[in-house]
Amino acid sequence: MKILKSVAVIGFIFGMSHLGLAQKIELGVKAGANFNGLNLSSGGKLVTTRYNTRVGFHLGGYMSIRIKSLALQPELIFSQQGQNFTTPYWSNLSTTLNYINLPVIFKYHPTNWLNLQVGPQLGYLISSKGDVLSTVGNPPTLGLAASGKNLKDYTNPLDFSIAFGMGIDLPLGLSLTARYNMGVTNVNKYWGSTNLPPGNITPSFSTANTQNQVFQLSLGYKLRSFGK
């Protein structure tokens, strides 16, 4: 993971130091829908629980630095992530993780209107709330549910992902992007713990190894462009 982060930083510095070679520099905004889930290891999941996709949103800005068919695009994005879950006794439960994400995307343009994307993404967790379940007995069974609890003590503040996607440039400065962000680091502080979290209160990811997985559909708008 340290190697991937180093590559991202080096790539960004390289792009910024070669602005004079860029054919085009674009500044823009983007927003769209997130289709979120948490990838949980089989060990540590809540028993008899069904996990579902949670729909959220993202919005932010970007700068694209293009040299011929290649481009470097750093972004600053607010992203609402998480998952929904259902137990035999409770339905419509949710976990919401709000991040400020910094993707650094490398783009290849095989044509003037199509681009392929890949790059690292570093996220900072600004809030984490969710419905939790009490656990009773040994082995533990699920009890009462409590909604909207702060999950800060259960979640790690930094998240690292790899992004894959493609984009289409449209007339009038618009663009469409489809991207999958595959989480690499563990969201859960209590991963693999032999003890239950404090107070026998358990979030949806319990003690499972947990990674973010997010599919994004974005609409972008070019605010300014410089160069050819």
Protein backbone atom coordinates (compact mmCIF):
# COMPACT_ATOMS: atom_id res chain seq x y z
CA MET A 1 0.00 0.00 0.00
CA LYS A 2 2.89 2.40 0.74
CA ILE A 3 4.23 1.76 -2.78
CA LEU A 4 0.85 2.62 -4.33
CA LYS A 5 0.62 5.83 -2.31
CA SER A 6 4.14 6.79 -3.39
CA VAL A 7 3.27 6.20 -7.04
CA ALA A 8 0.21 8.45 -6.68
CA VAL A 9 2.23 11.27 -5.12
CA ILE A 10 5.03 10.99 -7.69
CA GLY A 11 2.52 10.96 -10.53
CA PHE A 12 0.79 14.07 -9.24
CA ILE A 13 4.08 15.94 -8.77
CA PHE A 14 5.19 14.90 -12.24
CA GLY A 15 1.99 16.20 -13.76
CA MET A 16 2.13 19.50 -11.92
CA SER A 17 5.79 20.03 -12.84
CA HIS A 18 5.00 19.56 -16.54
CA LEU A 19 2.11 21.96 -16.89
CA GLY A 20 4.06 23.73 -19.60
CA LEU A 21 3.84 20.59 -21.79
CA ALA A 22 0.11 20.16 -21.33
CA GLN A 23 -2.06 20.55 -24.41
CA LYS A 24 -5.14 21.23 -22.28
CA ILE A 25 -5.93 21.96 -18.63
CA GLU A 26 -9.54 21.73 -17.46
CA LEU A 27 -11.22 22.74 -14.21
CA GLY A 28 -14.64 21.35 -13.49
CA VAL A 29 -17.23 20.06 -11.08
CA LYS A 30 -18.94 16.68 -10.87
CA ALA A 31 -21.74 14.98 -8.98
CA GLY A 32 -23.69 11.76 -9.13
CA ALA A 33 -24.95 8.60 -7.48
CA ASN A 34 -23.09 6.03 -5.37
CA PHE A 35 -24.16 2.40 -5.23
CA ASN A 36 -22.40 1.29 -2.07
CA GLY A 37 -21.62 -1.85 -0.19
CA LEU A 38 -19.16 -3.13 2.39
CA ASN A 39 -17.19 -6.21 1.46
CA LEU A 40 -17.23 -8.35 4.63
CA SER A 41 -15.20 -11.45 5.35
CA SER A 42 -17.30 -14.50 6.21
CA GLY A 43 -15.84 -14.64 9.71
CA GLY A 44 -17.17 -11.88 11.95
CA LYS A 45 -20.39 -11.07 10.10
CA LEU A 46 -23.61 -10.64 12.04
CA VAL A 47 -25.40 -13.99 12.03
CA THR A 48 -28.66 -14.43 10.07
CA THR A 49 -28.17 -10.98 8.51
CA ARG A 50 -28.70 -9.97 4.87
CA TYR A 51 -26.53 -7.16 3.52
CA ASN A 52 -27.83 -4.89 0.74
CA THR A 53 -26.65 -2.06 -1.49
CA ARG A 54 -27.05 1.46 -0.14
CA VAL A 55 -27.63 4.34 -2.57
CA GLY A 56 -25.78 7.56 -1.75
CA PHE A 57 -24.29 10.49 -3.62
CA HIS A 58 -21.00 12.23 -4.33
CA LEU A 59 -20.00 15.74 -5.40
CA GLY A 60 -16.84 17.76 -5.82
CA GLY A 61 -14.35 19.20 -8.27
CA TYR A 62 -11.50 18.12 -10.52
CA MET A 63 -8.52 19.36 -12.51
CA SER A 64 -7.52 17.51 -15.69
CA ILE A 65 -4.01 17.95 -17.09
CA ARG A 66 -3.84 16.43 -20.58
CA ILE A 67 -0.76 15.73 -22.70
CA LYS A 68 -1.74 14.24 -26.06
CA SER A 69 -3.72 11.05 -25.33
CA LEU A 70 -2.80 10.90 -21.62
CA ALA A 71 -4.15 12.91 -18.72
CA LEU A 72 -3.73 13.21 -14.98
CA GLN A 73 -6.87 14.15 -13.04
CA PRO A 74 -6.75 14.84 -9.30
CA GLU A 75 -10.16 15.29 -7.67
CA LEU A 76 -11.60 16.38 -4.33
CA ILE A 77 -14.88 14.56 -3.65
CA PHE A 78 -17.42 14.30 -0.83
CA SER A 79 -18.76 10.72 -0.93
CA GLN A 80 -21.63 9.14 1.01
CA GLN A 81 -20.94 5.41 1.43
CA GLY A 82 -21.98 2.45 3.58
CA GLN A 83 -24.56 -0.33 3.38
CA ASN A 84 -28.08 -1.40 4.30
CA PHE A 85 -28.79 -4.56 6.28
CA THR A 86 -31.70 -6.66 7.49
CA THR A 87 -32.01 -9.17 10.33
CA PRO A 88 -34.85 -11.64 11.02
CA TYR A 89 -36.36 -9.15 13.49
CA TRP A 90 -35.29 -5.77 12.06
CA SER A 91 -35.41 -4.32 8.54
CA ASN A 92 -34.32 -1.09 6.84
CA LEU A 93 -31.19 -0.77 8.98
CA SER A 94 -28.25 1.19 7.59
CA THR A 95 -24.63 2.19 8.05
CA THR A 96 -23.52 5.56 6.60
CA LEU A 97 -19.84 6.45 6.15
CA ASN A 98 -19.13 9.95 4.82
CA TYR A 99 -15.69 10.52 3.28
CA ILE A 100 -13.67 13.31 1.74
CA ASN A 101 -11.89 11.41 -1.05
CA LEU A 102 -8.81 12.43 -3.03
CA PRO A 103 -8.59 10.29 -6.19
CA VAL A 104 -5.62 10.79 -8.51
CA ILE A 105 -6.81 9.35 -11.81
CA PHE A 106 -4.66 8.46 -14.81
CA LYS A 107 -6.68 8.70 -18.03
CA TYR A 108 -6.01 7.29 -21.50
CA HIS A 109 -7.95 8.76 -24.44
CA PRO A 110 -8.13 6.21 -27.32
CA THR A 111 -10.48 8.68 -29.05
CA ASN A 112 -11.37 12.34 -28.56
CA TRP A 113 -14.59 11.44 -26.74
CA LEU A 114 -13.72 8.24 -24.81
CA ASN A 115 -11.29 7.76 -21.93
CA LEU A 116 -10.22 4.84 -19.72
CA GLN A 117 -9.38 5.53 -16.08
CA VAL A 118 -7.35 4.00 -13.26
CA GLY A 119 -5.74 5.39 -10.14
CA PRO A 120 -5.40 5.40 -6.34
CA GLN A 121 -7.79 7.11 -3.96
CA LEU A 122 -7.19 8.23 -0.38
CA GLY A 123 -10.25 8.90 1.77
CA TYR A 124 -10.67 10.64 5.12
CA LEU A 125 -13.71 9.63 7.17
CA ILE A 126 -15.52 12.76 8.37
CA SER A 127 -18.53 11.04 9.95
CA SER A 128 -19.76 7.51 10.57
CA LYS A 129 -23.26 6.75 11.84
CA GLY A 130 -25.43 3.69 11.74
CA ASP A 131 -27.98 1.43 13.28
CA VAL A 132 -26.51 -0.98 15.84
CA LEU A 133 -27.68 -4.16 17.53
CA SER A 134 -27.25 -5.27 21.10
CA THR A 135 -25.74 -8.72 21.57
CA VAL A 136 -26.62 -10.99 24.46
CA GLY A 137 -25.51 -14.41 25.64
CA ASN A 138 -22.57 -16.62 24.82
CA PRO A 139 -22.38 -17.34 21.93
CA PRO A 140 -23.93 -13.91 21.28
CA THR A 141 -27.37 -13.51 19.71
CA LEU A 142 -28.85 -10.32 18.28
CA GLY A 143 -31.11 -8.27 20.51
CA LEU A 144 -32.61 -4.78 20.37
CA ALA A 145 -31.73 -2.27 17.64
CA ALA A 146 -30.76 1.38 18.19
CA SER A 147 -30.69 3.84 15.30
CA GLY A 148 -28.32 6.60 14.26
CA LYS A 149 -25.46 5.85 16.63
CA ASN A 150 -22.03 7.42 16.21
CA LEU A 151 -19.64 4.73 14.93
CA LYS A 152 -16.42 6.76 15.28
CA ASP A 153 -15.02 4.36 17.88
CA TYR A 154 -15.58 1.41 15.52
CA THR A 155 -14.15 2.78 12.25
CA ASN A 156 -10.69 3.67 10.98
CA PRO A 157 -10.27 7.30 9.85
CA LEU A 158 -8.32 6.63 6.63
CA ASP A 159 -9.38 4.56 3.65
CA PHE A 160 -7.36 3.60 0.58
CA SER A 161 -8.97 2.40 -2.66
CA ILE A 162 -8.12 1.66 -6.28
CA ALA A 163 -10.41 3.23 -8.88
CA PHE A 164 -11.24 1.78 -12.31
CA GLY A 165 -13.55 3.33 -14.85
CA MET A 166 -14.33 4.97 -18.15
CA GLY A 167 -15.63 8.34 -19.26
CA ILE A 168 -17.39 9.92 -22.22
CA ASP A 169 -16.96 13.57 -23.21
CA LEU A 170 -20.20 15.20 -24.37
CA PRO A 171 -21.03 18.52 -26.02
CA LEU A 172 -21.52 21.72 -23.98
CA GLY A 173 -18.68 20.85 -21.59
CA LEU A 174 -20.49 17.87 -20.10
CA SER A 175 -19.05 14.43 -19.35
CA LEU A 176 -20.26 11.09 -18.07
CA THR A 177 -18.14 8.78 -15.90
CA ALA A 178 -18.69 5.26 -14.59
CA ARG A 179 -16.17 4.22 -11.94
CA TYR A 180 -15.68 1.39 -9.46
CA ASN A 181 -13.74 2.14 -6.26
CA MET A 182 -12.36 -1.04 -4.72
CA GLY A 183 -11.40 -0.64 -1.07
CA VAL A 184 -8.02 -2.00 0.02
CA THR A 185 -7.72 -1.00 3.67
CA ASN A 186 -9.89 -2.23 6.54
CA VAL A 187 -12.72 0.02 7.72
CA ASN A 188 -13.31 -1.93 10.93
CA LYS A 189 -11.20 -1.26 14.06
CA TYR A 190 -12.50 -4.47 15.63
CA TRP A 191 -11.58 -6.76 12.75
CA GLY A 192 -10.66 -10.22 13.99
CA SER A 193 -11.21 -9.28 17.61
CA THR A 194 -12.13 -12.11 19.95
CA ASN A 195 -14.03 -9.61 22.09
CA LEU A 196 -17.26 -7.83 21.27
CA PRO A 197 -17.12 -4.03 20.91
CA PRO A 198 -17.68 -2.01 24.10
CA GLY A 199 -21.09 -2.33 25.72
CA ASN A 200 -22.06 -5.34 23.63
CA ILE A 201 -23.31 -2.94 20.94
CA THR A 202 -22.50 -4.17 17.45
CA PRO A 203 -22.54 -2.27 14.10
CA SER A 204 -23.43 -3.99 10.85
CA PHE A 205 -19.84 -5.06 10.12
CA SER A 206 -19.34 -6.57 13.61
CA THR A 207 -15.79 -8.03 13.72
CA ALA A 208 -15.51 -8.83 9.98
CA ASN A 209 -12.64 -7.71 7.76
CA THR A 210 -14.38 -4.82 6.00
CA GLN A 211 -13.62 -2.87 2.80
CA ASN A 212 -15.57 -0.19 0.98
CA GLN A 213 -16.87 -1.04 -2.48
CA VAL A 214 -18.49 1.78 -4.44
CA PHE A 215 -19.85 2.02 -7.99
CA GLN A 216 -20.21 5.65 -9.09
CA LEU A 217 -22.10 7.28 -11.95
CA SER A 218 -21.08 10.92 -12.39
CA LEU A 219 -22.09 13.90 -14.49
CA GLY A 220 -19.31 16.44 -14.90
CA TYR A 221 -19.28 20.02 -16.14
CA LYS A 222 -16.20 21.86 -17.42
CA LEU A 223 -15.95 25.32 -15.85
CA ARG A 224 -12.74 26.53 -17.49
CA SER A 225 -10.20 25.20 -19.97
CA PHE A 226 -6.74 26.40 -20.94
CA GLY A 227 -4.62 25.41 -23.91
CA LYS A 228 -5.50 23.68 -27.13
